[in-house]
Every structure is written in C-alpha cells, then in structure tokens.
Amino acid sequence: AIGRIERALSRMESSIDRSRSDSDPEL
C-alpha cells in the first residue's frame, strides 16, 4: 500500500505543469 501511495504521489508531481502552478498561488 505504501508503494502504491508513493507511486501515485510521484505520478501526480510529475504531471504538474510547473509554469501553471507557479502562476496560481492557490493551487
């Protein structure tokens, strides 16, 4: 379960559009 959580977090972080998140402080 921990492995699945870590992989999901990794996928979420890698899919974030950095420029978009930087321009949206709330996000």
mmCIF file of all heavy atoms, coordinates in Angstrom:
data_MODEL
# 
_entry.id   MODEL 
# 
loop_
_atom_site.group_PDB 
_atom_site.id 
_atom_site.type_symbol 
_atom_site.label_atom_id 
_atom_site.label_alt_id 
_atom_site.label_comp_id 
_atom_site.label_asym_id 
_atom_site.label_entity_id 
_atom_site.label_seq_id 
_atom_site.pdbx_PDB_ins_code 
_atom_site.Cartn_x 
_atom_site.Cartn_y 
_atom_site.Cartn_z 
_atom_site.occupancy 
_atom_site.B_iso_or_equiv 
_atom_site.pdbx_formal_charge 
_atom_site.auth_seq_id 
_atom_site.auth_comp_id 
_atom_site.auth_asym_id 
_atom_site.auth_atom_id 
_atom_site.pdbx_PDB_model_num 
ATOM 1   N N   . ALA A 1 1  ? 0.835  -1.208 0.000   1.00 0.00 ? 1  ALA A N   1 
ATOM 2   C CA  . ALA A 1 1  ? 0.000  0.000  0.000   1.00 0.00 ? 1  ALA A CA  1 
ATOM 3   C C   . ALA A 1 1  ? 0.866  1.254  0.000   1.00 0.00 ? 1  ALA A C   1 
ATOM 4   O O   . ALA A 1 1  ? 0.584  2.208  -0.732  1.00 0.00 ? 1  ALA A O   1 
ATOM 5   C CB  . ALA A 1 1  ? -0.932 -0.003 1.213   1.00 0.00 ? 1  ALA A CB  1 
ATOM 6   N N   . ILE A 1 2  ? 1.917  1.254  0.791   1.00 0.00 ? 2  ILE A N   1 
ATOM 7   C CA  . ILE A 1 2  ? 2.823  2.401  0.829   1.00 0.00 ? 2  ILE A CA  1 
ATOM 8   C C   . ILE A 1 2  ? 3.471  2.587  -0.537  1.00 0.00 ? 2  ILE A C   1 
ATOM 9   O O   . ILE A 1 2  ? 3.596  3.720  -1.025  1.00 0.00 ? 2  ILE A O   1 
ATOM 10  C CB  . ILE A 1 2  ? 3.888  2.229  1.932   1.00 0.00 ? 2  ILE A CB  1 
ATOM 11  C CG1 . ILE A 1 2  ? 3.225  2.334  3.310   1.00 0.00 ? 2  ILE A CG1 1 
ATOM 12  C CG2 . ILE A 1 2  ? 4.996  3.269  1.783   1.00 0.00 ? 2  ILE A CG2 1 
ATOM 13  C CD1 . ILE A 1 2  ? 4.130  1.953  4.452   1.00 0.00 ? 2  ILE A CD1 1 
ATOM 14  N N   . GLY A 1 3  ? 3.851  1.503  -1.172  1.00 0.00 ? 3  GLY A N   1 
ATOM 15  C CA  . GLY A 1 3  ? 4.434  1.596  -2.511  1.00 0.00 ? 3  GLY A CA  1 
ATOM 16  C C   . GLY A 1 3  ? 3.470  2.208  -3.501  1.00 0.00 ? 3  GLY A C   1 
ATOM 17  O O   . GLY A 1 3  ? 3.857  3.048  -4.328  1.00 0.00 ? 3  GLY A O   1 
ATOM 18  N N   . ARG A 1 4  ? 2.197  1.813  -3.428  1.00 0.00 ? 4  ARG A N   1 
ATOM 19  C CA  . ARG A 1 4  ? 1.193  2.400  -4.325  1.00 0.00 ? 4  ARG A CA  1 
ATOM 20  C C   . ARG A 1 4  ? 1.022  3.889  -4.053  1.00 0.00 ? 4  ARG A C   1 
ATOM 21  O O   . ARG A 1 4  ? 0.901  4.687  -4.985  1.00 0.00 ? 4  ARG A O   1 
ATOM 22  C CB  . ARG A 1 4  ? -0.143 1.672  -4.161  1.00 0.00 ? 4  ARG A CB  1 
ATOM 23  C CG  . ARG A 1 4  ? -0.146 0.284  -4.772  1.00 0.00 ? 4  ARG A CG  1 
ATOM 24  C CD  . ARG A 1 4  ? -1.544 -0.298 -4.878  1.00 0.00 ? 4  ARG A CD  1 
ATOM 25  N NE  . ARG A 1 4  ? -2.261 -0.316 -3.619  1.00 0.00 ? 4  ARG A NE  1 
ATOM 26  C CZ  . ARG A 1 4  ? -2.271 -1.312 -2.751  1.00 0.00 ? 4  ARG A CZ  1 
ATOM 27  N NH1 . ARG A 1 4  ? -1.572 -2.401 -2.986  1.00 0.00 ? 4  ARG A NH1 1 
ATOM 28  N NH2 . ARG A 1 4  ? -2.986 -1.239 -1.643  1.00 0.00 ? 4  ARG A NH2 1 
ATOM 29  N N   . ILE A 1 5  ? 1.020  4.273  -2.781  1.00 0.00 ? 5  ILE A N   1 
ATOM 30  C CA  . ILE A 1 5  ? 0.891  5.693  -2.427  1.00 0.00 ? 5  ILE A CA  1 
ATOM 31  C C   . ILE A 1 5  ? 2.070  6.480  -2.980  1.00 0.00 ? 5  ILE A C   1 
ATOM 32  O O   . ILE A 1 5  ? 1.894  7.544  -3.580  1.00 0.00 ? 5  ILE A O   1 
ATOM 33  C CB  . ILE A 1 5  ? 0.792  5.869  -0.896  1.00 0.00 ? 5  ILE A CB  1 
ATOM 34  C CG1 . ILE A 1 5  ? -0.537 5.320  -0.382  1.00 0.00 ? 5  ILE A CG1 1 
ATOM 35  C CG2 . ILE A 1 5  ? 0.952  7.341  -0.511  1.00 0.00 ? 5  ILE A CG2 1 
ATOM 36  C CD1 . ILE A 1 5  ? -0.604 5.184  1.130   1.00 0.00 ? 5  ILE A CD1 1 
ATOM 37  N N   . GLU A 1 6  ? 3.271  5.946  -2.788  1.00 0.00 ? 6  GLU A N   1 
ATOM 38  C CA  . GLU A 1 6  ? 4.464  6.651  -3.263  1.00 0.00 ? 6  GLU A CA  1 
ATOM 39  C C   . GLU A 1 6  ? 4.459  6.786  -4.782  1.00 0.00 ? 6  GLU A C   1 
ATOM 40  O O   . GLU A 1 6  ? 4.805  7.840  -5.321  1.00 0.00 ? 6  GLU A O   1 
ATOM 41  C CB  . GLU A 1 6  ? 5.728  5.936  -2.796  1.00 0.00 ? 6  GLU A CB  1 
ATOM 42  C CG  . GLU A 1 6  ? 5.967  6.084  -1.312  1.00 0.00 ? 6  GLU A CG  1 
ATOM 43  C CD  . GLU A 1 6  ? 7.143  5.272  -0.814  1.00 0.00 ? 6  GLU A CD  1 
ATOM 44  O OE1 . GLU A 1 6  ? 7.547  4.288  -1.481  1.00 0.00 ? 6  GLU A OE1 1 
ATOM 45  O OE2 . GLU A 1 6  ? 7.665  5.628  0.259   1.00 0.00 ? 6  GLU A OE2 1 
ATOM 46  N N   . ARG A 1 7  ? 4.050  5.736  -5.494  1.00 0.00 ? 7  ARG A N   1 
ATOM 47  C CA  . ARG A 1 7  ? 3.995  5.821  -6.959  1.00 0.00 ? 7  ARG A CA  1 
ATOM 48  C C   . ARG A 1 7  ? 2.944  6.817  -7.413  1.00 0.00 ? 7  ARG A C   1 
ATOM 49  O O   . ARG A 1 7  ? 3.157  7.571  -8.368  1.00 0.00 ? 7  ARG A O   1 
ATOM 50  C CB  . ARG A 1 7  ? 3.743  4.430  -7.555  1.00 0.00 ? 7  ARG A CB  1 
ATOM 51  C CG  . ARG A 1 7  ? 4.961  3.522  -7.468  1.00 0.00 ? 7  ARG A CG  1 
ATOM 52  C CD  . ARG A 1 7  ? 4.773  2.229  -8.247  1.00 0.00 ? 7  ARG A CD  1 
ATOM 53  N NE  . ARG A 1 7  ? 3.653  1.416  -7.799  1.00 0.00 ? 7  ARG A NE  1 
ATOM 54  C CZ  . ARG A 1 7  ? 3.680  0.577  -6.756  1.00 0.00 ? 7  ARG A CZ  1 
ATOM 55  N NH1 . ARG A 1 7  ? 4.780  0.443  -6.042  1.00 0.00 ? 7  ARG A NH1 1 
ATOM 56  N NH2 . ARG A 1 7  ? 2.613  -0.131 -6.431  1.00 0.00 ? 7  ARG A NH2 1 
ATOM 57  N N   . ALA A 1 8  ? 1.804  6.847  -6.717  1.00 0.00 ? 8  ALA A N   1 
ATOM 58  C CA  . ALA A 1 8  ? 0.755  7.807  -7.077  1.00 0.00 ? 8  ALA A CA  1 
ATOM 59  C C   . ALA A 1 8  ? 1.239  9.234  -6.862  1.00 0.00 ? 8  ALA A C   1 
ATOM 60  O O   . ALA A 1 8  ? 1.008  10.109 -7.704  1.00 0.00 ? 8  ALA A O   1 
ATOM 61  C CB  . ALA A 1 8  ? -0.510 7.544  -6.250  1.00 0.00 ? 8  ALA A CB  1 
ATOM 62  N N   . LEU A 1 9  ? 1.907  9.472  -5.747  1.00 0.00 ? 9  LEU A N   1 
ATOM 63  C CA  . LEU A 1 9  ? 2.443  10.811 -5.483  1.00 0.00 ? 9  LEU A CA  1 
ATOM 64  C C   . LEU A 1 9  ? 3.455  11.213 -6.553  1.00 0.00 ? 9  LEU A C   1 
ATOM 65  O O   . LEU A 1 9  ? 3.469  12.351 -7.020  1.00 0.00 ? 9  LEU A O   1 
ATOM 66  C CB  . LEU A 1 9  ? 3.107  10.869 -4.109  1.00 0.00 ? 9  LEU A CB  1 
ATOM 67  C CG  . LEU A 1 9  ? 2.171  10.919 -2.918  1.00 0.00 ? 9  LEU A CG  1 
ATOM 68  C CD1 . LEU A 1 9  ? 2.962  10.773 -1.629  1.00 0.00 ? 9  LEU A CD1 1 
ATOM 69  C CD2 . LEU A 1 9  ? 1.388  12.214 -2.911  1.00 0.00 ? 9  LEU A CD2 1 
ATOM 70  N N   . SER A 1 10 ? 4.281  10.275 -6.929  1.00 0.00 ? 10 SER A N   1 
ATOM 71  C CA  . SER A 1 10 ? 5.282  10.549 -7.953  1.00 0.00 ? 10 SER A CA  1 
ATOM 72  C C   . SER A 1 10 ? 4.617  10.909 -9.278  1.00 0.00 ? 10 SER A C   1 
ATOM 73  O O   . SER A 1 10 ? 5.031  11.865 -9.950  1.00 0.00 ? 10 SER A O   1 
ATOM 74  C CB  . SER A 1 10 ? 6.184  9.331  -8.127  1.00 0.00 ? 10 SER A CB  1 
ATOM 75  O OG  . SER A 1 10 ? 7.122  9.563  -9.134  1.00 0.00 ? 10 SER A OG  1 
ATOM 76  N N   . ARG A 1 11 ? 3.583  10.155 -9.646  1.00 0.00 ? 11 ARG A N   1 
ATOM 77  C CA  . ARG A 1 11 ? 2.865  10.462 -10.890 1.00 0.00 ? 11 ARG A CA  1 
ATOM 78  C C   . ARG A 1 11 ? 2.203  11.825 -10.819 1.00 0.00 ? 11 ARG A C   1 
ATOM 79  O O   . ARG A 1 11 ? 2.223  12.592 -11.786 1.00 0.00 ? 11 ARG A O   1 
ATOM 80  C CB  . ARG A 1 11 ? 1.821  9.385  -11.187 1.00 0.00 ? 11 ARG A CB  1 
ATOM 81  C CG  . ARG A 1 11 ? 2.400  8.081  -11.666 1.00 0.00 ? 11 ARG A CG  1 
ATOM 82  C CD  . ARG A 1 11 ? 1.317  7.151  -12.201 1.00 0.00 ? 11 ARG A CD  1 
ATOM 83  N NE  . ARG A 1 11 ? 0.217  6.927  -11.279 1.00 0.00 ? 11 ARG A NE  1 
ATOM 84  C CZ  . ARG A 1 11 ? 0.147  5.964  -10.371 1.00 0.00 ? 11 ARG A CZ  1 
ATOM 85  N NH1 . ARG A 1 11 ? 1.168  5.130  -10.224 1.00 0.00 ? 11 ARG A NH1 1 
ATOM 86  N NH2 . ARG A 1 11 ? -0.909 5.841  -9.607  1.00 0.00 ? 11 ARG A NH2 1 
ATOM 87  N N   . MET A 1 12 ? 1.611  12.140 -9.662  1.00 0.00 ? 12 MET A N   1 
ATOM 88  C CA  . MET A 1 12 ? 0.946  13.439 -9.506  1.00 0.00 ? 12 MET A CA  1 
ATOM 89  C C   . MET A 1 12 ? 1.950  14.575 -9.645  1.00 0.00 ? 12 MET A C   1 
ATOM 90  O O   . MET A 1 12 ? 1.692  15.554 -10.355 1.00 0.00 ? 12 MET A O   1 
ATOM 91  C CB  . MET A 1 12 ? 0.238  13.521 -8.145  1.00 0.00 ? 12 MET A CB  1 
ATOM 92  C CG  . MET A 1 12 ? -1.000 12.674 -8.075  1.00 0.00 ? 12 MET A CG  1 
ATOM 93  S SD  . MET A 1 12 ? -1.752 12.502 -6.431  1.00 0.00 ? 12 MET A SD  1 
ATOM 94  C CE  . MET A 1 12 ? -1.426 13.984 -5.592  1.00 0.00 ? 12 MET A CE  1 
ATOM 95  N N   . GLU A 1 13 ? 3.074  14.444 -8.977  1.00 0.00 ? 13 GLU A N   1 
ATOM 96  C CA  . GLU A 1 13 ? 4.064  15.518 -9.023  1.00 0.00 ? 13 GLU A CA  1 
ATOM 97  C C   . GLU A 1 13 ? 4.669  15.667 -10.411 1.00 0.00 ? 13 GLU A C   1 
ATOM 98  O O   . GLU A 1 13 ? 4.921  16.778 -10.856 1.00 0.00 ? 13 GLU A O   1 
ATOM 99  C CB  . GLU A 1 13 ? 5.150  15.287 -7.981  1.00 0.00 ? 13 GLU A CB  1 
ATOM 100 C CG  . GLU A 1 13 ? 4.651  15.558 -6.579  1.00 0.00 ? 13 GLU A CG  1 
ATOM 101 C CD  . GLU A 1 13 ? 5.757  15.575 -5.546  1.00 0.00 ? 13 GLU A CD  1 
ATOM 102 O OE1 . GLU A 1 13 ? 6.834  15.002 -5.788  1.00 0.00 ? 13 GLU A OE1 1 
ATOM 103 O OE2 . GLU A 1 13 ? 5.525  16.175 -4.489  1.00 0.00 ? 13 GLU A OE2 1 
ATOM 104 N N   . SER A 1 14 ? 4.876  14.566 -11.113 1.00 0.00 ? 14 SER A N   1 
ATOM 105 C CA  . SER A 1 14 ? 5.477  14.669 -12.438 1.00 0.00 ? 14 SER A CA  1 
ATOM 106 C C   . SER A 1 14 ? 4.495  15.217 -13.468 1.00 0.00 ? 14 SER A C   1 
ATOM 107 O O   . SER A 1 14 ? 4.915  15.742 -14.499 1.00 0.00 ? 14 SER A O   1 
ATOM 108 C CB  . SER A 1 14 ? 6.027  13.322 -12.894 1.00 0.00 ? 14 SER A CB  1 
ATOM 109 O OG  . SER A 1 14 ? 4.977  12.409 -13.093 1.00 0.00 ? 14 SER A OG  1 
ATOM 110 N N   . SER A 1 15 ? 3.208  15.109 -13.194 1.00 0.00 ? 15 SER A N   1 
ATOM 111 C CA  . SER A 1 15 ? 2.222  15.587 -14.161 1.00 0.00 ? 15 SER A CA  1 
ATOM 112 C C   . SER A 1 15 ? 1.861  17.057 -13.982 1.00 0.00 ? 15 SER A C   1 
ATOM 113 O O   . SER A 1 15 ? 1.156  17.621 -14.812 1.00 0.00 ? 15 SER A O   1 
ATOM 114 C CB  . SER A 1 15 ? 0.954  14.736 -14.080 1.00 0.00 ? 15 SER A CB  1 
ATOM 115 O OG  . SER A 1 15 ? 0.274  14.987 -12.867 1.00 0.00 ? 15 SER A OG  1 
ATOM 116 N N   . ILE A 1 16 ? 2.336  17.667 -12.922 1.00 0.00 ? 16 ILE A N   1 
ATOM 117 C CA  . ILE A 1 16 ? 2.011  19.078 -12.676 1.00 0.00 ? 16 ILE A CA  1 
ATOM 118 C C   . ILE A 1 16 ? 2.738  19.958 -13.683 1.00 0.00 ? 16 ILE A C   1 
ATOM 119 O O   . ILE A 1 16 ? 3.928  19.825 -13.909 1.00 0.00 ? 16 ILE A O   1 
ATOM 120 C CB  . ILE A 1 16 ? 2.414  19.495 -11.242 1.00 0.00 ? 16 ILE A CB  1 
ATOM 121 C CG1 . ILE A 1 16 ? 1.547  18.769 -10.233 1.00 0.00 ? 16 ILE A CG1 1 
ATOM 122 C CG2 . ILE A 1 16 ? 2.292  21.007 -11.057 1.00 0.00 ? 16 ILE A CG2 1 
ATOM 123 C CD1 . ILE A 1 16 ? 1.979  19.003 -8.801  1.00 0.00 ? 16 ILE A CD1 1 
ATOM 124 N N   . ASP A 1 17 ? 1.992  20.837 -14.290 1.00 0.00 ? 17 ASP A N   1 
ATOM 125 C CA  . ASP A 1 17 ? 2.592  21.825 -15.184 1.00 0.00 ? 17 ASP A CA  1 
ATOM 126 C C   . ASP A 1 17 ? 3.181  22.922 -14.294 1.00 0.00 ? 17 ASP A C   1 
ATOM 127 O O   . ASP A 1 17 ? 2.465  23.715 -13.720 1.00 0.00 ? 17 ASP A O   1 
ATOM 128 C CB  . ASP A 1 17 ? 1.530  22.387 -16.125 1.00 0.00 ? 17 ASP A CB  1 
ATOM 129 C CG  . ASP A 1 17 ? 2.067  23.456 -17.039 1.00 0.00 ? 17 ASP A CG  1 
ATOM 130 O OD1 . ASP A 1 17 ? 3.296  23.680 -17.079 1.00 0.00 ? 17 ASP A OD1 1 
ATOM 131 O OD2 . ASP A 1 17 ? 1.257  24.084 -17.730 1.00 0.00 ? 17 ASP A OD2 1 
ATOM 132 N N   . ARG A 1 18 ? 4.488  22.922 -14.172 1.00 0.00 ? 18 ARG A N   1 
ATOM 133 C CA  . ARG A 1 18 ? 5.160  23.836 -13.233 1.00 0.00 ? 18 ARG A CA  1 
ATOM 134 C C   . ARG A 1 18 ? 4.823  25.302 -13.505 1.00 0.00 ? 18 ARG A C   1 
ATOM 135 O O   . ARG A 1 18 ? 4.598  26.069 -12.584 1.00 0.00 ? 18 ARG A O   1 
ATOM 136 C CB  . ARG A 1 18 ? 6.677  23.635 -13.289 1.00 0.00 ? 18 ARG A CB  1 
ATOM 137 C CG  . ARG A 1 18 ? 7.120  22.262 -12.867 1.00 0.00 ? 18 ARG A CG  1 
ATOM 138 C CD  . ARG A 1 18 ? 6.923  22.061 -11.402 1.00 0.00 ? 18 ARG A CD  1 
ATOM 139 N NE  . ARG A 1 18 ? 7.387  20.727 -11.040 1.00 0.00 ? 18 ARG A NE  1 
ATOM 140 C CZ  . ARG A 1 18 ? 6.928  20.049 -10.032 1.00 0.00 ? 18 ARG A CZ  1 
ATOM 141 N NH1 . ARG A 1 18 ? 6.006  20.545 -9.266  1.00 0.00 ? 18 ARG A NH1 1 
ATOM 142 N NH2 . ARG A 1 18 ? 7.386  18.853 -9.762  1.00 0.00 ? 18 ARG A NH2 1 
ATOM 143 N N   . SER A 1 19 ? 4.784  25.692 -14.740 1.00 0.00 ? 19 SER A N   1 
ATOM 144 C CA  . SER A 1 19 ? 4.513  27.108 -15.022 1.00 0.00 ? 19 SER A CA  1 
ATOM 145 C C   . SER A 1 19 ? 3.093  27.472 -14.607 1.00 0.00 ? 19 SER A C   1 
ATOM 146 O O   . SER A 1 19 ? 2.844  28.566 -14.115 1.00 0.00 ? 19 SER A O   1 
ATOM 147 C CB  . SER A 1 19 ? 4.731  27.416 -16.498 1.00 0.00 ? 19 SER A CB  1 
ATOM 148 O OG  . SER A 1 19 ? 3.842  26.664 -17.309 1.00 0.00 ? 19 SER A OG  1 
ATOM 149 N N   . ARG A 1 20 ? 2.150  26.553 -14.789 1.00 0.00 ? 20 ARG A N   1 
ATOM 150 C CA  . ARG A 1 20 ? 0.769  26.831 -14.409 1.00 0.00 ? 20 ARG A CA  1 
ATOM 151 C C   . ARG A 1 20 ? 0.639  26.909 -12.895 1.00 0.00 ? 20 ARG A C   1 
ATOM 152 O O   . ARG A 1 20 ? -0.040 27.781 -12.360 1.00 0.00 ? 20 ARG A O   1 
ATOM 153 C CB  . ARG A 1 20 ? -0.145 25.747 -14.963 1.00 0.00 ? 20 ARG A CB  1 
ATOM 154 C CG  . ARG A 1 20 ? -1.598 26.087 -14.781 1.00 0.00 ? 20 ARG A CG  1 
ATOM 155 C CD  . ARG A 1 20 ? -2.458 25.098 -15.524 1.00 0.00 ? 20 ARG A CD  1 
ATOM 156 N NE  . ARG A 1 20 ? -3.412 24.581 -14.561 1.00 0.00 ? 20 ARG A NE  1 
ATOM 157 C CZ  . ARG A 1 20 ? -4.104 23.507 -14.708 1.00 0.00 ? 20 ARG A CZ  1 
ATOM 158 N NH1 . ARG A 1 20 ? -3.972 22.782 -15.770 1.00 0.00 ? 20 ARG A NH1 1 
ATOM 159 N NH2 . ARG A 1 20 ? -4.956 23.126 -13.805 1.00 0.00 ? 20 ARG A NH2 1 
ATOM 160 N N   . SER A 1 21 ? 1.278  25.986 -12.169 1.00 0.00 ? 21 SER A N   1 
ATOM 161 C CA  . SER A 1 21 ? 1.155  26.003 -10.710 1.00 0.00 ? 21 SER A CA  1 
ATOM 162 C C   . SER A 1 21 ? 1.836  27.230 -10.109 1.00 0.00 ? 21 SER A C   1 
ATOM 163 O O   . SER A 1 21 ? 1.405  27.740 -9.086  1.00 0.00 ? 21 SER A O   1 
ATOM 164 C CB  . SER A 1 21 ? 1.726  24.720 -10.103 1.00 0.00 ? 21 SER A CB  1 
ATOM 165 O OG  . SER A 1 21 ? 3.112  24.658 -10.275 1.00 0.00 ? 21 SER A OG  1 
ATOM 166 N N   . ASP A 1 22 ? 2.919  27.688 -10.757 1.00 0.00 ? 22 ASP A N   1 
ATOM 167 C CA  . ASP A 1 22 ? 3.580  28.892 -10.260 1.00 0.00 ? 22 ASP A CA  1 
ATOM 168 C C   . ASP A 1 22 ? 2.721  30.132 -10.460 1.00 0.00 ? 22 ASP A C   1 
ATOM 169 O O   . ASP A 1 22 ? 2.804  31.078 -9.688  1.00 0.00 ? 22 ASP A O   1 
ATOM 170 C CB  . ASP A 1 22 ? 4.936  29.079 -10.950 1.00 0.00 ? 22 ASP A CB  1 
ATOM 171 C CG  . ASP A 1 22 ? 5.952  28.040 -10.492 1.00 0.00 ? 22 ASP A CG  1 
ATOM 172 O OD1 . ASP A 1 22 ? 5.726  27.416 -9.435  1.00 0.00 ? 22 ASP A OD1 1 
ATOM 173 O OD2 . ASP A 1 22 ? 6.956  27.862 -11.195 1.00 0.00 ? 22 ASP A OD2 1 
ATOM 174 N N   . SER A 1 23 ? 1.897  30.129 -11.494 1.00 0.00 ? 23 SER A N   1 
ATOM 175 C CA  . SER A 1 23 ? 1.067  31.304 -11.745 1.00 0.00 ? 23 SER A CA  1 
ATOM 176 C C   . SER A 1 23 ? -0.239 31.261 -10.952 1.00 0.00 ? 23 SER A C   1 
ATOM 177 O O   . SER A 1 23 ? -1.003 32.213 -10.977 1.00 0.00 ? 23 SER A O   1 
ATOM 178 C CB  . SER A 1 23 ? 0.761  31.427 -13.241 1.00 0.00 ? 23 SER A CB  1 
ATOM 179 O OG  . SER A 1 23 ? -0.013 30.319 -13.663 1.00 0.00 ? 23 SER A OG  1 
ATOM 180 N N   . ASP A 1 24 ? -0.511 30.155 -10.280 1.00 0.00 ? 24 ASP A N   1 
ATOM 181 C CA  . ASP A 1 24 ? -1.727 30.013 -9.482  1.00 0.00 ? 24 ASP A CA  1 
ATOM 182 C C   . ASP A 1 24 ? -1.343 29.735 -8.031  1.00 0.00 ? 24 ASP A C   1 
ATOM 183 O O   . ASP A 1 24 ? -1.161 28.583 -7.637  1.00 0.00 ? 24 ASP A O   1 
ATOM 184 C CB  . ASP A 1 24 ? -2.584 28.881 -10.040 1.00 0.00 ? 24 ASP A CB  1 
ATOM 185 C CG  . ASP A 1 24 ? -3.934 28.767 -9.364  1.00 0.00 ? 24 ASP A CG  1 
ATOM 186 O OD1 . ASP A 1 24 ? -4.154 29.408 -8.312  1.00 0.00 ? 24 ASP A OD1 1 
ATOM 187 O OD2 . ASP A 1 24 ? -4.782 28.033 -9.889  1.00 0.00 ? 24 ASP A OD2 1 
ATOM 188 N N   . PRO A 1 25 ? -1.191 30.786 -7.225  1.00 0.00 ? 25 PRO A N   1 
ATOM 189 C CA  . PRO A 1 25 ? -0.743 30.605 -5.835  1.00 0.00 ? 25 PRO A CA  1 
ATOM 190 C C   . PRO A 1 25 ? -1.672 29.712 -5.017  1.00 0.00 ? 25 PRO A C   1 
ATOM 191 O O   . PRO A 1 25 ? -1.215 28.959 -4.155  1.00 0.00 ? 25 PRO A O   1 
ATOM 192 C CB  . PRO A 1 25 ? -0.702 32.016 -5.263  1.00 0.00 ? 25 PRO A CB  1 
ATOM 193 C CG  . PRO A 1 25 ? -0.961 32.949 -6.386  1.00 0.00 ? 25 PRO A CG  1 
ATOM 194 C CD  . PRO A 1 25 ? -1.415 32.169 -7.565  1.00 0.00 ? 25 PRO A CD  1 
ATOM 195 N N   . GLU A 1 26 ? -2.978 29.763 -5.286  1.00 0.00 ? 26 GLU A N   1 
ATOM 196 C CA  . GLU A 1 26 ? -3.913 28.924 -4.533  1.00 0.00 ? 26 GLU A CA  1 
ATOM 197 C C   . GLU A 1 26 ? -3.676 27.448 -4.839  1.00 0.00 ? 26 GLU A C   1 
ATOM 198 O O   . GLU A 1 26 ? -3.652 26.610 -3.934  1.00 0.00 ? 26 GLU A O   1 
ATOM 199 C CB  . GLU A 1 26 ? -5.353 29.290 -4.874  1.00 0.00 ? 26 GLU A CB  1 
ATOM 200 C CG  . GLU A 1 26 ? -6.372 28.490 -4.075  1.00 0.00 ? 26 GLU A CG  1 
ATOM 201 C CD  . GLU A 1 26 ? -7.803 28.855 -4.413  1.00 0.00 ? 26 GLU A CD  1 
ATOM 202 O OE1 . GLU A 1 26 ? -8.043 29.946 -4.953  1.00 0.00 ? 26 GLU A OE1 1 
ATOM 203 O OE2 . GLU A 1 26 ? -8.675 28.018 -4.137  1.00 0.00 ? 26 GLU A OE2 1 
ATOM 204 N N   . LEU A 1 27 ? -3.450 27.129 -6.110  1.00 0.00 ? 27 LEU A N   1 
ATOM 205 C CA  . LEU A 1 27 ? -3.165 25.754 -6.488  1.00 0.00 ? 27 LEU A CA  1 
ATOM 206 C C   . LEU A 1 27 ? -1.859 25.277 -5.855  1.00 0.00 ? 27 LEU A C   1 
ATOM 207 O O   . LEU A 1 27 ? -1.769 24.160 -5.337  1.00 0.00 ? 27 LEU A O   1 
ATOM 208 C CB  . LEU A 1 27 ? -3.087 25.619 -8.013  1.00 0.00 ? 27 LEU A CB  1 
ATOM 209 C CG  . LEU A 1 27 ? -2.779 24.231 -8.559  1.00 0.00 ? 27 LEU A CG  1 
ATOM 210 C CD1 . LEU A 1 27 ? -3.849 23.225 -8.139  1.00 0.00 ? 27 LEU A CD1 1 
ATOM 211 C CD2 . LEU A 1 27 ? -2.650 24.285 -10.071 1.00 0.00 ? 27 LEU A CD2 1 
# 
